[in-house]
Protein backbone atom coordinates (compact mmCIF):
# COMPACT_ATOMS: atom_id res chain seq x y z
CA MET A 1 15.62 22.74 28.16
CA ILE A 2 12.56 20.97 29.79
CA THR A 3 10.24 22.20 27.32
CA LEU A 4 11.91 20.39 25.10
CA GLN A 5 12.52 17.52 27.03
CA ARG A 6 8.53 17.22 27.65
CA LYS A 7 7.90 17.48 23.89
CA ASN A 8 10.12 14.76 23.02
CA VAL A 9 8.85 12.36 25.42
CA ILE A 10 5.29 12.87 24.42
CA LEU A 11 6.57 12.03 20.86
CA LEU A 12 7.63 9.60 22.24
CA ALA A 13 4.46 8.38 24.10
CA LEU A 14 2.74 9.19 20.73
CA ALA A 15 5.05 7.30 18.73
CA LEU A 16 4.20 4.48 20.93
CA VAL A 17 0.53 3.92 20.28
CA LEU A 18 1.85 2.55 16.84
CA PRO A 19 3.59 -1.47 18.18
CA LEU A 20 0.78 -0.91 21.11
CA VAL A 21 -1.60 -1.26 18.30
CA GLN A 22 0.55 -3.20 15.96
CA LEU A 23 0.91 -5.64 19.25
CA LEU A 24 -3.13 -5.62 20.41
CA VAL A 25 -3.76 -6.73 16.16
CA GLN A 26 -0.75 -9.42 16.00
CA VAL A 27 0.84 -7.57 12.97
CA ASP A 28 3.50 -9.49 12.80
CA SER A 29 1.70 -12.60 12.15
CA PHE A 30 -1.24 -9.68 9.51
CA TYR A 31 0.16 -11.54 5.71
CA LEU A 32 -2.37 -11.41 3.42
CA SER A 33 -3.32 -9.60 0.36
CA ASP A 34 -0.68 -6.48 -0.18
CA PRO A 35 1.70 -7.02 3.42
CA LEU A 36 1.85 -10.86 2.37
CA VAL A 37 2.98 -10.40 -1.12
CA LYS A 38 5.77 -7.38 -0.18
CA MET A 39 7.56 -9.52 2.83
CA ILE A 40 7.45 -12.71 0.09
CA GLN A 41 9.62 -10.04 -2.03
CA VAL A 42 11.82 -8.59 0.54
CA ILE A 43 11.99 -12.75 1.80
CA SER A 44 13.03 -13.61 -2.10
CA LEU A 45 15.37 -10.70 -2.39
CA TRP A 46 17.33 -12.17 0.82
CA LYS A 47 16.85 -15.34 0.44
CA GLN A 48 18.29 -15.78 -3.59
CA GLN A 49 21.74 -12.56 -2.12
CA TRP A 50 20.08 -10.09 -4.69
CA GLN A 51 20.52 -11.96 -7.74
CA THR A 52 17.42 -11.33 -8.91
CA GLU A 53 14.20 -9.82 -8.16
CA SER A 54 12.46 -13.26 -8.83
CA ILE A 55 9.76 -14.37 -7.06
CA ILE A 56 10.40 -18.15 -5.00
CA TYR A 57 7.64 -19.60 -6.52
CA PRO A 58 8.05 -23.24 -5.15
CA SER A 59 5.03 -24.56 -7.84
CA TYR A 60 6.61 -23.00 -10.63
CA ASP A 61 6.44 -26.89 -12.26
CA PHE A 62 2.77 -26.77 -12.23
CA ASP A 63 2.15 -23.65 -13.31
CA PRO A 64 5.41 -22.14 -14.86
CA LEU A 65 2.75 -19.91 -17.26
CA PHE A 66 2.04 -18.40 -13.22
CA LEU A 67 -2.49 -18.32 -14.36
CA LEU A 68 -2.95 -20.06 -10.90
CA SER A 69 -0.79 -17.25 -8.83
CA PRO A 70 -1.99 -18.60 -4.81
CA PHE A 71 -1.86 -14.21 -4.88
CA ASN A 72 -4.09 -11.75 -5.36
CA GLU A 73 -4.40 -11.04 -8.91
CA GLY A 74 -2.06 -8.49 -10.35
CA PHE A 75 0.64 -8.56 -7.01
CA ILE A 76 2.95 -10.80 -8.67
CA PHE A 77 2.74 -11.12 -12.92
CA GLN A 78 5.23 -12.54 -15.10
CA ASN A 79 8.33 -9.74 -16.18
CA GLN A 80 11.17 -10.77 -18.86
CA GLU A 81 9.96 -14.54 -17.74
CA ARG A 82 10.42 -13.42 -14.10
CA LEU A 83 7.95 -13.40 -11.61
CA ILE A 84 8.12 -9.90 -10.19
CA GLY A 85 6.17 -8.44 -7.39
CA ASN A 86 4.10 -5.24 -8.55
CA TYR A 87 5.86 -3.34 -5.15
CA PRO A 88 9.12 -0.73 -5.50
CA ILE A 89 12.66 -2.33 -5.79
CA ALA A 90 13.79 0.20 -3.45
CA PHE A 91 11.64 -1.29 -0.39
CA THR A 92 12.53 -4.53 -1.26
CA PHE A 93 16.04 -3.64 -1.59
CA PHE A 94 15.72 -1.67 1.70
CA TYR A 95 14.30 -4.58 3.97
CA SER A 96 16.50 -7.34 3.17
CA LEU A 97 19.17 -5.09 3.52
CA LEU A 98 17.67 -5.35 7.66
CA ALA A 99 17.37 -8.89 7.29
CA PHE A 100 19.18 -9.51 10.64
CA VAL A 101 16.62 -8.47 12.51
CA PRO A 102 13.79 -11.90 12.16
CA PHE A 103 11.19 -10.93 9.52
CA LYS A 104 8.15 -11.08 11.80
CA PHE A 105 9.88 -8.03 13.56
CA LEU A 106 9.87 -5.55 10.54
CA PRO A 107 6.97 -4.33 10.56
CA PHE A 108 7.54 -2.46 13.79
CA LEU A 109 10.66 -0.91 12.86
CA ASN A 110 7.34 2.31 11.33
CA PHE A 111 7.57 3.56 15.03
CA LEU A 112 11.21 5.47 14.32
CA PHE A 113 9.15 6.52 10.70
CA LEU A 114 6.65 7.85 12.99
CA LEU A 115 8.40 9.27 15.21
CA GLY A 116 10.75 10.84 12.61
CA PHE A 117 7.21 12.19 10.95
CA LEU A 118 6.29 13.76 13.95
CA LYS A 119 9.35 15.30 15.45
CA LEU A 120 10.13 16.39 11.45
CA LEU A 121 6.63 17.75 12.14
CA ASN A 122 7.12 19.37 15.61
CA ASP A 123 10.94 20.77 14.15
CA ASN A 124 8.39 22.93 11.63
CA SER A 125 6.30 24.74 14.28
CA ILE A 126 3.23 21.68 14.35
CA LYS A 127 1.20 22.64 17.45
CA LEU A 128 0.50 19.81 19.43
CA PRO A 129 -3.92 19.39 18.43
CA VAL A 130 -3.19 19.02 14.10
CA LEU A 131 -0.26 16.60 15.73
CA LEU A 132 -2.42 14.50 17.32
CA LEU A 133 -5.34 15.20 14.73
CA ILE A 134 -2.97 14.80 10.79
CA THR A 135 -1.25 11.39 13.19
CA PHE A 136 -4.41 9.46 14.32
CA GLY A 137 -7.25 10.70 12.48
CA THR A 138 -5.98 10.82 8.37
CA VAL A 139 -4.38 7.81 6.62
CA VAL A 140 -0.97 8.10 7.78
CA PHE A 141 -1.73 6.09 11.12
CA PRO A 142 -3.72 3.14 9.74
CA LEU A 143 -1.34 3.25 6.37
CA LEU A 144 1.58 2.22 9.15
CA ILE A 145 -0.05 -1.05 11.11
CA ASP A 146 1.07 -3.19 8.37
CA PHE A 147 3.90 -4.00 6.59
CA SER A 148 4.25 -1.15 3.50
CA GLU A 149 6.28 0.99 1.72
CA ASN A 150 4.39 3.70 3.00
CA ALA A 151 5.85 5.04 6.80
CA ILE A 152 9.31 5.36 4.08
CA PHE A 153 8.11 6.89 1.28
CA LEU A 154 6.18 9.19 4.35
CA LEU A 155 9.18 10.25 6.01
CA LEU A 156 11.23 10.81 2.29
CA SER A 157 8.77 13.02 1.08
CA GLY A 158 8.18 14.44 4.40
CA TYR A 159 11.68 16.14 4.35
CA GLY A 160 11.28 16.85 0.51
CA TYR A 161 8.72 19.29 1.46
CA ILE A 162 9.81 20.73 4.46
CA PHE A 163 13.31 21.77 1.96
CA LEU A 164 11.68 23.12 -0.47
CA LEU A 165 9.09 24.87 1.50
CA LYS A 166 12.00 26.55 3.12
CA ALA A 167 14.13 27.36 -0.13
CA PHE A 168 10.68 28.78 -1.38
CA GLU A 169 10.93 31.32 1.61
CA ASN A 170 15.08 31.87 2.15
CA GLN A 171 15.96 31.24 -2.18
CA ASN A 172 19.13 29.01 0.04
CA THR A 173 20.63 26.85 -2.32
CA LYS A 174 21.19 24.18 0.02
CA ASP A 175 17.30 23.92 1.34
CA TRP A 176 16.78 23.70 -3.54
CA LEU A 177 19.01 20.65 -3.23
CA LEU A 178 17.74 18.42 0.44
CA GLY A 179 14.40 18.97 -0.97
CA ASN A 180 14.85 17.83 -4.73
CA PHE A 181 17.51 14.49 -2.97
CA PHE A 182 14.61 13.31 -0.57
CA LEU A 183 12.16 13.95 -3.07
CA GLY A 184 13.91 12.67 -5.34
CA LEU A 185 14.46 9.59 -2.80
CA ALA A 186 10.62 9.12 -2.49
CA ILE A 187 9.93 8.42 -6.20
CA TRP A 188 11.62 5.54 -5.87
CA PHE A 189 9.10 3.98 -3.00
CA ARG A 190 6.24 5.28 -4.61
CA LEU A 191 4.69 7.28 -8.04
CA GLU A 192 2.99 9.81 -6.13
CA GLY A 193 6.33 11.32 -5.92
CA VAL A 194 6.56 12.71 -8.88
CA LEU A 195 3.06 14.96 -8.57
CA PHE A 196 4.01 15.57 -5.45
CA PHE A 197 6.76 17.39 -6.62
CA ILE A 198 4.89 18.51 -9.71
CA SER A 199 2.52 19.92 -7.04
CA ILE A 200 5.40 22.44 -6.12
CA GLN A 201 6.89 23.00 -8.51
CA VAL A 202 4.40 24.21 -10.40
CA THR A 203 3.07 26.58 -7.71
CA ILE A 204 5.95 27.80 -7.30
CA PHE A 205 6.54 29.21 -10.44
CA ILE A 206 2.33 30.43 -9.69
CA ILE A 207 3.18 32.84 -7.19
CA ASP A 208 7.18 33.33 -8.96
CA PHE A 209 5.64 34.76 -11.53
CA PHE A 210 2.49 35.78 -11.93
CA ILE A 211 2.53 37.42 -7.97
CA LYS A 212 6.44 38.43 -8.30
CA LYS A 213 6.50 38.55 -11.00
CA LYS A 214 9.81 37.60 -11.04
CA SER A 215 11.31 36.77 -14.42
CA LEU A 216 11.48 33.44 -16.57
CA VAL A 217 15.16 32.89 -15.91
CA GLU A 218 15.01 33.41 -12.33
CA THR A 219 11.29 31.35 -12.00
CA LEU A 220 12.25 28.48 -13.81
CA ASN A 221 16.40 28.43 -12.05
CA PRO A 222 17.74 25.27 -12.57
CA ILE A 223 18.63 24.92 -9.10
CA ARG A 224 15.16 24.21 -8.51
CA TYR A 225 15.10 21.30 -10.03
CA ILE A 226 17.84 19.49 -11.28
CA ILE A 227 18.86 17.08 -8.77
CA PHE A 228 14.83 16.12 -8.38
CA LEU A 229 15.07 15.34 -12.78
CA ILE A 230 18.97 13.80 -12.63
CA ILE A 231 17.00 10.77 -10.03
CA LEU A 232 13.73 11.10 -12.21
CA ALA A 233 16.01 10.22 -14.91
CA SER A 234 18.01 7.30 -13.64
CA PHE A 235 14.91 6.48 -12.43
CA LEU A 236 13.12 5.60 -15.35
CA LEU A 237 16.47 4.40 -17.05
CA TRP A 238 15.81 1.88 -14.10
CA ASN A 239 12.88 1.30 -15.12
CA GLN A 240 12.99 0.76 -18.67
CA TYR A 241 16.43 -1.34 -18.02
CA SER A 242 14.58 -4.42 -15.82
CA TYR A 243 11.49 -4.24 -16.50
CA SER A 244 11.28 -2.98 -20.33
CA HIS A 245 8.28 0.34 -19.41
CA PRO A 246 10.36 3.00 -18.08
CA MET A 247 7.06 3.69 -14.62
CA GLY A 248 7.73 0.03 -13.16
CA THR A 249 6.18 -2.17 -11.95
CA ARG A 250 3.43 -0.36 -10.22
CA TYR A 251 2.27 1.40 -13.60
CA LEU A 252 2.53 -2.13 -15.34
CA ALA A 253 0.74 -3.65 -12.72
CA THR A 254 -2.60 -1.38 -11.49
CA ILE A 255 -1.91 0.96 -14.91
CA ALA A 256 -1.41 -0.02 -18.17
CA TYR A 257 -4.38 -2.50 -19.04
CA ASN A 258 -5.95 -0.44 -17.09
CA SER A 259 -8.49 1.87 -19.52
CA ARG A 260 -11.04 4.41 -17.52
CA SER A 261 -13.41 6.91 -19.40
CA ILE A 262 -14.07 10.10 -18.26
CA TRP A 263 -17.17 9.25 -15.58
CA ASP A 264 -15.16 6.52 -14.26
CA GLN A 265 -12.26 8.89 -13.67
CA ILE A 266 -14.85 11.22 -11.78
CA MET A 267 -15.77 8.16 -9.51
CA ILE A 268 -12.80 7.38 -8.85
CA PHE A 269 -11.25 10.54 -7.21
CA LEU A 270 -15.31 11.23 -5.79
CA SER A 271 -14.74 7.67 -3.98
CA MET A 272 -10.43 8.61 -2.90
CA SER A 273 -11.77 11.80 -1.83
CA PHE A 274 -15.22 11.83 -0.07
CA THR A 275 -17.19 8.86 -0.66
CA PHE A 276 -18.91 6.73 -3.37
CA PRO A 277 -20.84 3.49 -3.51
CA ARG A 278 -18.78 0.41 -4.19
CA SER A 279 -19.62 -3.76 -4.32
CA ASP A 280 -18.27 -3.86 -0.99
CA GLY A 281 -20.23 -0.76 0.57
CA TRP A 282 -19.53 2.94 0.58
CA SER A 283 -15.68 4.15 0.06
CA LEU A 284 -14.56 6.22 3.21
CA GLY A 285 -12.75 8.64 1.24
CA PHE A 286 -9.77 10.90 2.65
CA PHE A 287 -11.53 13.90 3.64
CA LEU A 288 -14.67 12.06 5.04
CA GLN A 289 -12.45 10.16 6.98
CA SER A 290 -10.41 13.79 8.45
CA PRO A 291 -12.94 16.45 7.50
CA ILE A 292 -11.94 18.55 9.84
CA LEU A 293 -9.17 19.15 7.55
CA LEU A 294 -11.93 19.71 4.46
CA PHE A 295 -13.72 22.32 7.07
CA ALA A 296 -9.92 24.00 8.15
CA LEU A 297 -9.59 24.93 4.26
CA VAL A 298 -12.98 25.90 3.47
CA GLN A 299 -12.58 28.72 5.74
CA LEU A 300 -9.73 30.01 4.78
CA SER A 301 -10.36 33.29 3.81
CA LYS A 302 -8.85 35.05 0.84
CA GLU A 303 -7.88 37.59 3.00
CA GLN A 304 -5.65 35.10 4.34
CA LEU A 305 -4.52 34.40 1.08
CA SER A 306 -3.32 37.22 -0.27
CA LYS A 307 -1.85 38.60 3.31
CA ASN A 308 0.08 35.47 3.94
CA GLN A 309 2.37 34.48 0.84
CA THR A 310 3.19 30.69 2.91
CA LEU A 311 -0.02 29.54 3.78
CA PHE A 312 -1.44 30.04 -0.03
CA TYR A 313 1.40 28.13 -1.40
CA HIS A 314 0.08 25.53 0.96
CA PHE A 315 -2.69 25.95 -0.50
CA CYS A 316 -2.57 25.92 -4.06
CA ILE A 317 -0.35 22.38 -3.67
CA SER A 318 -3.32 20.54 -1.81
CA MET A 319 -5.80 21.92 -4.22
CA ILE A 320 -2.79 21.02 -7.09
CA PHE A 321 -1.91 17.54 -5.48
CA LEU A 322 -5.55 16.80 -5.35
CA LEU A 323 -6.25 17.57 -9.38
CA ILE A 324 -3.31 15.52 -10.68
CA VAL A 325 -3.62 12.48 -8.91
CA GLY A 326 -7.38 12.32 -8.43
CA ILE A 327 -7.16 12.51 -12.92
CA THR A 328 -5.01 10.22 -12.90
CA SER A 329 -5.44 7.44 -10.25
CA PRO A 330 -6.10 4.43 -12.15
CA ASN A 331 -8.71 3.35 -8.46
CA ASP A 332 -9.19 4.77 -5.00
CA GLY A 333 -6.50 3.17 -3.56
CA ILE A 334 -8.80 2.72 -0.67
CA THR A 335 -8.96 -0.93 1.25
CA LEU A 336 -9.39 0.27 4.51
CA THR A 337 -8.82 3.86 4.07
CA GLY A 338 -6.61 5.81 1.07
CA ARG A 339 -3.51 6.29 -0.02
CA TYR A 340 -2.83 8.00 -3.38
CA LEU A 341 -3.45 11.49 -1.41
CA LEU A 342 -1.54 10.71 1.83
CA LEU A 343 1.05 13.42 1.06
CA LEU A 344 -1.38 16.13 1.40
CA VAL A 345 -1.28 15.89 5.24
CA TYR A 346 1.82 18.02 4.77
CA PRO A 347 0.47 20.53 3.24
CA LEU A 348 -3.15 20.65 4.89
CA SER A 349 -0.78 19.80 8.15
CA PHE A 350 -0.37 23.88 7.64
CA ILE A 351 -3.51 24.81 7.67
CA LEU A 352 -4.81 23.71 10.39
CA ASN A 353 -1.94 24.21 11.96
CA GLU A 354 -2.78 28.48 11.40
CA GLN A 355 -6.93 27.38 11.56
CA ILE A 356 -6.92 25.34 14.21
CA GLU A 357 -7.64 28.23 17.15
CA LYS A 358 -10.26 29.93 15.29
CA ILE A 359 -12.06 26.34 14.77
CA GLN A 360 -11.62 25.40 18.55
CA LYS A 361 -13.62 28.30 19.13
CA LYS A 362 -16.87 27.02 17.28
CA LYS A 363 -16.85 23.88 19.70
CA THR A 364 -19.40 22.40 18.66
CA VAL A 365 -17.76 22.57 15.03
CA PHE A 366 -15.16 21.28 16.12
CA SER A 367 -15.93 19.00 18.73
CA ILE A 368 -18.69 16.64 16.22
CA LEU A 369 -15.06 17.11 13.77
CA THR A 370 -13.20 15.45 16.33
CA ILE A 371 -15.65 12.58 17.38
CA TRP A 372 -16.33 12.15 13.61
CA THR A 373 -13.16 11.90 13.61
CA SER A 374 -11.59 9.97 16.60
CA VAL A 375 -14.47 7.03 15.95
CA CYS A 376 -13.31 6.85 12.04
CA ALA A 377 -10.28 5.63 13.81
CA ILE A 378 -11.23 3.36 16.40
CA ILE A 379 -13.60 2.19 13.73
CA VAL A 380 -10.42 0.79 10.88
CA SER A 381 -7.78 -0.32 13.83
CA SER A 382 -11.09 -2.41 15.01
CA ILE A 383 -11.14 -3.88 11.59
CA PHE A 384 -7.50 -4.52 11.51
CA PHE A 385 -7.68 -6.37 15.01
CA PHE A 386 -11.27 -8.41 13.29
CA ALA A 387 -9.68 -8.99 10.24
CA ASN A 388 -6.46 -10.72 11.32
CA LYS A 389 -8.16 -12.38 13.95
CA GLU A 390 -10.21 -13.66 11.06
CA LEU A 391 -7.14 -14.40 9.50
CA THR A 392 -5.25 -16.14 13.19
CA LYS A 393 -8.56 -19.13 12.77
CA LEU A 394 -7.83 -19.83 9.04
CA LYS A 395 -4.84 -20.70 9.68
CA LYS A 396 -5.72 -22.97 12.23
CA GLU A 397 -7.82 -25.01 10.04
CA ILE A 398 -5.38 -24.59 7.15
CA THR A 399 -1.93 -25.10 8.09
CA PRO A 400 -2.45 -28.80 9.31
CA LEU A 401 -3.89 -29.71 5.26
CA ASN A 402 -0.38 -30.74 4.04
CA SER A 403 0.28 -32.05 0.72
CA LYS A 404 3.01 -32.58 -2.15
CA LEU A 405 0.83 -30.12 -3.62
CA ILE A 406 -2.76 -28.07 -2.60
CA VAL A 407 -4.82 -26.35 -5.31
CA THR A 408 -7.05 -23.95 -3.52
CA THR A 409 -10.44 -22.31 -5.03
CA ASN A 410 -9.70 -19.01 -3.57
CA GLU A 411 -7.05 -16.28 -2.93
CA LEU A 412 -8.36 -16.26 0.77
CA LEU A 413 -7.28 -19.89 1.26
CA SER A 414 -4.22 -19.91 -0.69
CA GLY A 415 -2.89 -16.47 1.13
CA ALA A 416 -3.95 -17.33 4.71
CA TYR A 417 -0.68 -19.66 4.35
CA GLY A 418 1.02 -16.37 4.67
CA LEU A 419 4.61 -16.16 3.87
CA ASP A 420 4.94 -20.48 4.17
CA LEU A 421 4.10 -19.79 0.49
CA ILE A 422 8.03 -19.80 0.46
CA GLU A 423 8.23 -22.98 0.85
CA LYS A 424 4.85 -24.56 -0.20
CA LYS A 425 3.52 -25.94 -3.29
CA VAL A 426 0.00 -24.06 -3.08
CA LEU A 427 -2.11 -22.67 -5.73
CA CYS A 428 -5.48 -21.32 -7.06
CA ILE A 429 -8.19 -21.90 -9.17
CA LYS A 430 -10.20 -18.91 -10.38
CA ASN A 431 -10.90 -19.86 -13.47
CA PRO A 432 -12.61 -23.90 -14.44
CA TYR A 433 -10.93 -23.75 -17.70
CA LEU A 434 -7.46 -23.66 -16.54
CA VAL A 435 -9.14 -26.79 -14.45
CA LYS A 436 -7.43 -28.65 -17.35
CA TYR A 437 -4.31 -26.73 -17.50
CA LEU A 438 -3.36 -27.85 -14.26
CA PHE A 439 -4.01 -31.89 -14.36
CA TYR A 440 -1.78 -31.12 -17.79
CA ASN A 441 1.35 -30.19 -15.69
CA ILE A 442 0.35 -33.15 -12.42
CA GLU A 443 0.84 -35.45 -15.40
CA LYS A 444 3.60 -33.57 -16.52
CA ASN A 445 5.40 -33.96 -13.21
CA MET A 446 4.49 -37.50 -11.64
CA LEU A 447 2.88 -36.09 -9.10
CA SER A 448 1.33 -39.17 -6.64
CA GLU A 449 -1.08 -37.07 -4.68
CA PHE A 450 -2.36 -33.79 -4.03
CA LEU A 451 -5.14 -31.81 -1.81
CA ILE A 452 -8.08 -29.78 -2.69
CA ALA A 453 -9.53 -27.24 -0.16
CA THR A 454 -12.13 -25.01 -0.69
CA VAL A 455 -14.98 -22.80 1.15
CA GLU A 456 -16.84 -24.92 3.51
CA LYS A 457 -19.79 -22.79 3.33
CA GLN A 458 -21.77 -21.92 -0.48
CA THR A 459 -22.92 -17.59 -0.47
CA LYS A 460 -23.90 -16.07 -3.26
CA TYR A 461 -20.92 -14.62 -3.48
CA ASN A 462 -18.54 -17.58 -3.89
CA GLN A 463 -21.21 -20.68 -5.85
CA TYR A 464 -18.45 -20.27 -8.78
CA GLU A 465 -16.30 -22.42 -6.63
CA LYS A 466 -18.51 -24.72 -6.35
CA GLY A 467 -18.35 -25.49 -9.89
CA ILE A 468 -14.21 -24.73 -9.76
CA TYR A 469 -14.06 -27.59 -6.83
CA ASP A 470 -15.97 -30.63 -8.68
CA SER A 471 -14.54 -29.68 -11.79
CA ILE A 472 -11.95 -30.61 -9.92
CA ILE A 473 -13.25 -33.86 -8.82
CA ALA A 474 -14.34 -34.52 -12.28
CA GLU A 475 -11.43 -34.20 -14.17
CA SER A 476 -8.78 -36.45 -11.35
CA VAL A 477 -11.01 -39.45 -11.81
CA GLN A 478 -10.41 -39.29 -15.17
CA HIS A 479 -6.43 -39.06 -15.03
CA GLY A 480 -6.95 -41.43 -12.61
CA TYR A 481 -6.65 -40.10 -8.89
CA ARG A 482 -8.82 -42.01 -5.73
CA CYS A 483 -10.11 -38.82 -4.25
CA THR A 484 -10.79 -39.53 -0.66
CA GLU A 485 -14.22 -38.62 1.58
CA GLU A 486 -14.58 -34.84 2.10
CA GLU A 487 -13.09 -33.58 5.22
CA HIS A 488 -14.93 -30.30 6.12
CA SER A 489 -14.24 -27.93 9.48
CA LYS A 490 -15.76 -24.46 10.07
CA ARG A 491 -14.73 -22.68 7.43
CA ILE A 492 -12.96 -25.76 4.82
CA LEU A 493 -13.95 -27.89 2.79
CA SER A 494 -11.20 -30.38 1.50
CA ARG A 495 -10.32 -34.46 0.03
CA ARG A 496 -7.21 -35.76 -0.28
CA CYS A 497 -6.55 -37.16 -4.11
CA VAL A 498 -3.39 -39.74 -5.03
CA LYS A 499 -2.69 -41.40 -7.91
CA THR A 500 -3.90 -45.06 -7.77
CA ASN A 501 -2.29 -46.84 -11.17
CA GLU A 502 0.62 -48.49 -10.54
CA HIS A 503 3.28 -45.63 -12.64
CA SER A 504 2.67 -43.14 -9.93
CA GLU A 505 5.79 -41.40 -8.81
CA ASN A 506 6.68 -38.92 -6.26
CA PRO A 507 7.99 -35.55 -7.92
């Protein structure tokens, strides 16, 4: 009993590291890019009383075609005459039900999912050193820091994996059904759940039919997959009805219009798995961040795999899932760390658990691998901290800039308004040819004044913004606006333009 209590205390202590880091990086105010759009989706659904998925867009009158989105390109798009986010309705709906909690506290709920993740692995005999390495030395921890669907997706998939593992070992009908059910729920949060289920089923087929020599009828017993297929069918039908495509919003936003060559796909695979040079530097792929997992795989012997069928089960799933994700991913999925290979942590946890004592005996190798992993974890957390520090400074400069309409020249400036985008009219012009479109709508709405904001410091990476800024000023003059002198802060250059003719009206 004491041992059990001690284990629970350890698990709780490990899980508490997450909210501590979240407080350190001020995740309650870290709303930019993905987390911003996700929270905007949740707030929009809640404020509209679950009547529509459409994003609340205060600037709609000035941008009816949604060409001047203040969000990152592709994150929100038009579908069936609605503006919708590319993140799943299951995620949005789940968190909108928790709207009685102040929105800024929602990211801290990831603590509960991390605790569930730790308990799930612990209950399945994963040793403490492996728990530490898997939790803090892989993509798991970074993906749980900010507001996202990854936490609930990770836990649902984990329960699905464990129940299907038990079903594989014991052929228990209840375990088959529960494994199908949890993985079926997971696909409503991320599409990788489908690939993970396929990897598991292909592995079971290989073992049962080719190794155990079971009959085809027994191997393809519907009880092994029927619940998942029912949930998958409902998922596809919902998407077809709601978005006119069975794969849903994530597919429409990232894959449907993204053509890739074979070489492109190879680069994506290398980038997400290991590393590959990109425009912003070398990527931090799954195994580069967690080389001890790759080492555990490499150290597996044929004898181990042939004698231990469960170990072969985990190994086979790892290889199939890695391959399928590699050939189907629209991009490497890496911002700070990769997310498409998140579910690899389950089979690799069991493999590392089997190998950890052997690896620990190689003290030099083990030390190098753990030090490298620790350094990566610290660097990733530090990036969160310093990124939010810079965002906080930017917010302090941009928040006082108020107007009936705010026009920016890049998504960082418009996104810095954060959750205020639910109420403020903010646009972002990314192309000079859209300036005339903007002024057509400004004239149509008889806007009396607006504010232009661009970056203060010009570099080779943002020179085009100066051209957009100048075009807006020139067009303003042509439409009867008088623009004030430039106002400068450390990061932002702004000008306020006021209608001078007698026909101006407040919208």
